[in-house]
Amino acid sequence: MLKNLPPVITGPLLTLLADLRPGQWLALAPEGAPMLEHAPSVTVDLPLDLLAAALFEVVPVADTSDSPLALWAIDRHDDSLDDLVFAVQGLAGDATGRRVRATSVSDAELVADAADTAAAVIRVPFDGAPFIFFLRTGGDDRATVARSATRSAHSSARAATLEPSTC
């Protein structure tokens, strides 16, 4: 049993994440976002910023790439999207301990191959124009996201049971 997982990481979402391998891309997008029909998908009823905060607790972010985060948006001037970009970049930076900026994906790149690179998709509610965040997963070659979550849960449990030293 896994402990200390964020409550929004439910069974279907954990199953989707468990199948991701290091180096694969996870897409985060609203229902209306195009080009992602080929990948396994889970819909969560949670705003993207809250979902991202939970994901970055259990999904390792690639550290071998200068750009582990990419963004395609139909309307790059949508104020509500700007807020999401800053939130997701900040949360990714907190998780990695380094500054993370989302690189831009053009329409041509999306059609040519970006959408096909998504190994899994998490759909979120959003009333604005469609967008897709692509997150490159990290970890070593033997690791999976589920193992990372398990290690995180075990480390938290171990830390909670350690007694303070008496010197």
Protein backbone atom coordinates (compact mmCIF):
# COMPACT_ATOMS: atom_id res chain seq x y z
CA MET A 1 0.00 0.00 0.00
CA LEU A 2 1.28 3.45 -0.86
CA LYS A 3 1.13 6.12 1.81
CA ASN A 4 1.57 9.87 1.66
CA LEU A 5 0.40 10.15 -1.93
CA PRO A 6 -1.48 13.36 -2.62
CA PRO A 7 -5.22 12.57 -2.37
CA VAL A 8 -5.80 13.58 -5.99
CA ILE A 9 -3.58 10.72 -7.20
CA THR A 10 -6.42 8.20 -7.38
CA GLY A 11 -6.43 4.66 -8.75
CA PRO A 12 -6.95 5.43 -12.46
CA LEU A 13 -4.42 8.27 -12.36
CA LEU A 14 -1.85 6.21 -10.47
CA THR A 15 -2.29 3.38 -12.99
CA LEU A 16 -1.69 5.81 -15.86
CA LEU A 17 1.42 7.22 -14.15
CA ALA A 18 2.74 3.76 -13.28
CA ASP A 19 3.03 2.91 -16.98
CA LEU A 20 5.26 5.92 -17.72
CA ARG A 21 8.96 5.27 -18.19
CA PRO A 22 11.82 7.73 -17.78
CA GLY A 23 12.15 10.03 -20.77
CA GLN A 24 8.53 9.70 -21.88
CA TRP A 25 6.29 12.72 -22.26
CA LEU A 26 3.12 13.24 -20.20
CA ALA A 27 0.55 15.62 -21.70
CA LEU A 28 -1.64 17.82 -19.50
CA ALA A 29 -4.54 19.30 -21.44
CA PRO A 30 -8.21 20.32 -21.28
CA GLU A 31 -10.87 18.19 -22.97
CA GLY A 32 -10.90 20.37 -26.09
CA ALA A 33 -7.18 20.06 -26.84
CA PRO A 34 -6.50 18.37 -30.19
CA MET A 35 -4.17 15.63 -31.38
CA LEU A 36 -3.95 13.45 -28.25
CA GLU A 37 -6.46 10.72 -29.05
CA HIS A 38 -3.81 7.98 -29.53
CA ALA A 39 -2.46 8.01 -25.95
CA PRO A 40 -4.01 6.51 -22.81
CA SER A 41 -5.96 9.21 -21.01
CA VAL A 42 -7.47 9.98 -17.61
CA THR A 43 -9.73 12.94 -16.83
CA VAL A 44 -9.48 14.57 -13.41
CA ASP A 45 -11.86 17.15 -12.00
CA LEU A 46 -9.16 19.42 -10.64
CA PRO A 47 -7.62 22.68 -11.86
CA LEU A 48 -4.27 22.22 -13.60
CA ASP A 49 -2.26 24.12 -10.99
CA LEU A 50 -3.50 21.86 -8.17
CA LEU A 51 -2.97 18.74 -10.28
CA ALA A 52 0.56 19.86 -11.20
CA ALA A 53 1.43 20.43 -7.53
CA ALA A 54 0.39 16.84 -6.76
CA LEU A 55 2.09 15.38 -9.85
CA PHE A 56 5.42 17.01 -9.11
CA GLU A 57 5.40 15.28 -5.71
CA VAL A 58 5.40 11.83 -7.36
CA VAL A 59 6.51 12.21 -10.98
CA PRO A 60 10.24 12.75 -11.43
CA VAL A 61 11.01 15.53 -13.91
CA ALA A 62 13.75 14.86 -16.47
CA ASP A 63 17.03 16.46 -15.51
CA THR A 64 18.88 15.38 -18.64
CA SER A 65 16.95 17.79 -20.82
CA ASP A 66 17.25 21.57 -20.94
CA SER A 67 13.52 21.69 -21.62
CA PRO A 68 11.56 19.10 -19.65
CA LEU A 69 8.45 21.24 -20.08
CA ALA A 70 6.89 22.37 -23.36
CA LEU A 71 3.65 24.19 -24.19
CA TRP A 72 1.39 24.41 -27.20
CA ALA A 73 -1.48 26.89 -27.02
CA ILE A 74 -4.02 27.99 -29.57
CA ASP A 75 -4.16 31.48 -27.98
CA ARG A 76 -0.85 32.49 -26.45
CA HIS A 77 -2.36 35.76 -25.20
CA ASP A 78 -5.02 34.22 -22.94
CA ASP A 79 -4.57 35.77 -19.46
CA SER A 80 -5.84 32.66 -17.68
CA LEU A 81 -3.28 30.57 -19.56
CA ASP A 82 -0.49 32.98 -18.55
CA ASP A 83 -1.34 32.30 -14.90
CA LEU A 84 -1.18 28.54 -15.51
CA VAL A 85 2.17 28.80 -17.29
CA PHE A 86 3.73 30.69 -14.38
CA ALA A 87 2.23 28.24 -11.88
CA VAL A 88 3.35 25.09 -13.72
CA GLN A 89 6.83 26.47 -14.40
CA GLY A 90 7.20 27.45 -10.74
CA LEU A 91 6.01 24.07 -9.48
CA ALA A 92 8.35 22.27 -11.90
CA GLY A 93 11.20 24.47 -10.72
CA ASP A 94 10.41 23.70 -7.08
CA ALA A 95 10.39 19.98 -7.85
CA THR A 96 13.70 20.03 -9.72
CA GLY A 97 15.56 22.66 -7.73
CA ARG A 98 16.33 24.59 -10.91
CA ARG A 99 14.59 27.12 -13.08
CA VAL A 100 12.25 25.47 -15.57
CA ARG A 101 10.83 27.39 -18.51
CA ALA A 102 8.24 25.95 -20.84
CA THR A 103 9.51 25.90 -24.41
CA SER A 104 7.00 26.79 -27.07
CA VAL A 105 5.60 24.17 -29.44
CA SER A 106 4.38 25.60 -32.76
CA ASP A 107 1.29 24.40 -34.59
CA ALA A 108 3.53 22.77 -37.21
CA GLU A 109 5.54 20.93 -34.53
CA LEU A 110 2.34 19.77 -32.85
CA VAL A 111 1.00 18.34 -36.09
CA ALA A 112 4.37 16.90 -37.21
CA ASP A 113 5.25 14.97 -34.09
CA ALA A 114 4.72 16.62 -30.71
CA ALA A 115 1.26 15.14 -30.18
CA ASP A 116 2.52 11.66 -31.09
CA THR A 117 5.24 11.85 -28.46
CA ALA A 118 2.77 11.92 -25.55
CA ALA A 119 2.84 8.52 -23.82
CA ALA A 120 -0.13 9.46 -21.60
CA VAL A 121 -2.62 12.31 -21.24
CA ILE A 122 -4.26 13.83 -18.19
CA ARG A 123 -7.31 15.93 -19.04
CA VAL A 124 -8.31 18.83 -16.78
CA PRO A 125 -11.21 21.29 -16.75
CA PHE A 126 -10.44 24.65 -18.36
CA ASP A 127 -12.78 27.27 -19.83
CA GLY A 128 -10.19 29.09 -21.92
CA ALA A 129 -8.61 28.32 -25.26
CA PRO A 130 -7.08 24.84 -25.70
CA PHE A 131 -3.48 24.19 -24.66
CA ILE A 132 -1.19 21.23 -24.06
CA PHE A 133 1.64 21.06 -21.56
CA PHE A 134 4.18 18.33 -22.27
CA LEU A 135 6.21 17.14 -19.28
CA ARG A 136 9.25 14.90 -19.82
CA THR A 137 9.51 12.33 -17.04
CA GLY A 138 12.80 11.65 -15.33
CA GLY A 139 14.36 8.90 -13.26
CA ASP A 140 16.85 6.19 -14.10
CA ASP A 141 16.33 3.50 -16.73
CA ARG A 142 15.05 0.95 -14.22
CA ALA A 143 12.71 3.34 -12.45
CA THR A 144 9.05 3.86 -13.02
CA VAL A 145 6.84 6.59 -11.71
CA ALA A 146 5.15 4.08 -9.41
CA ARG A 147 8.50 3.12 -7.88
CA SER A 148 9.32 6.79 -7.39
CA ALA A 149 6.01 7.29 -5.62
CA THR A 150 6.65 4.21 -3.49
CA ARG A 151 10.13 5.44 -2.53
CA SER A 152 8.68 8.83 -1.66
CA ALA A 153 6.00 7.25 0.53
CA HIS A 154 8.52 4.98 2.27
CA SER A 155 10.97 7.84 2.88
CA SER A 156 8.22 9.96 4.41
CA ALA A 157 7.06 7.10 6.61
CA ARG A 158 10.63 6.34 7.72
CA ALA A 159 11.33 9.98 8.52
CA ALA A 160 8.15 10.19 10.59
CA THR A 161 9.15 7.21 12.72
CA LEU A 162 12.75 8.24 13.44
CA GLU A 163 13.30 9.34 16.98
CA PRO A 164 15.31 12.48 17.63
CA SER A 165 18.84 11.82 18.84
CA THR A 166 19.72 12.68 22.39
CA CYS A 167 23.22 14.10 22.45
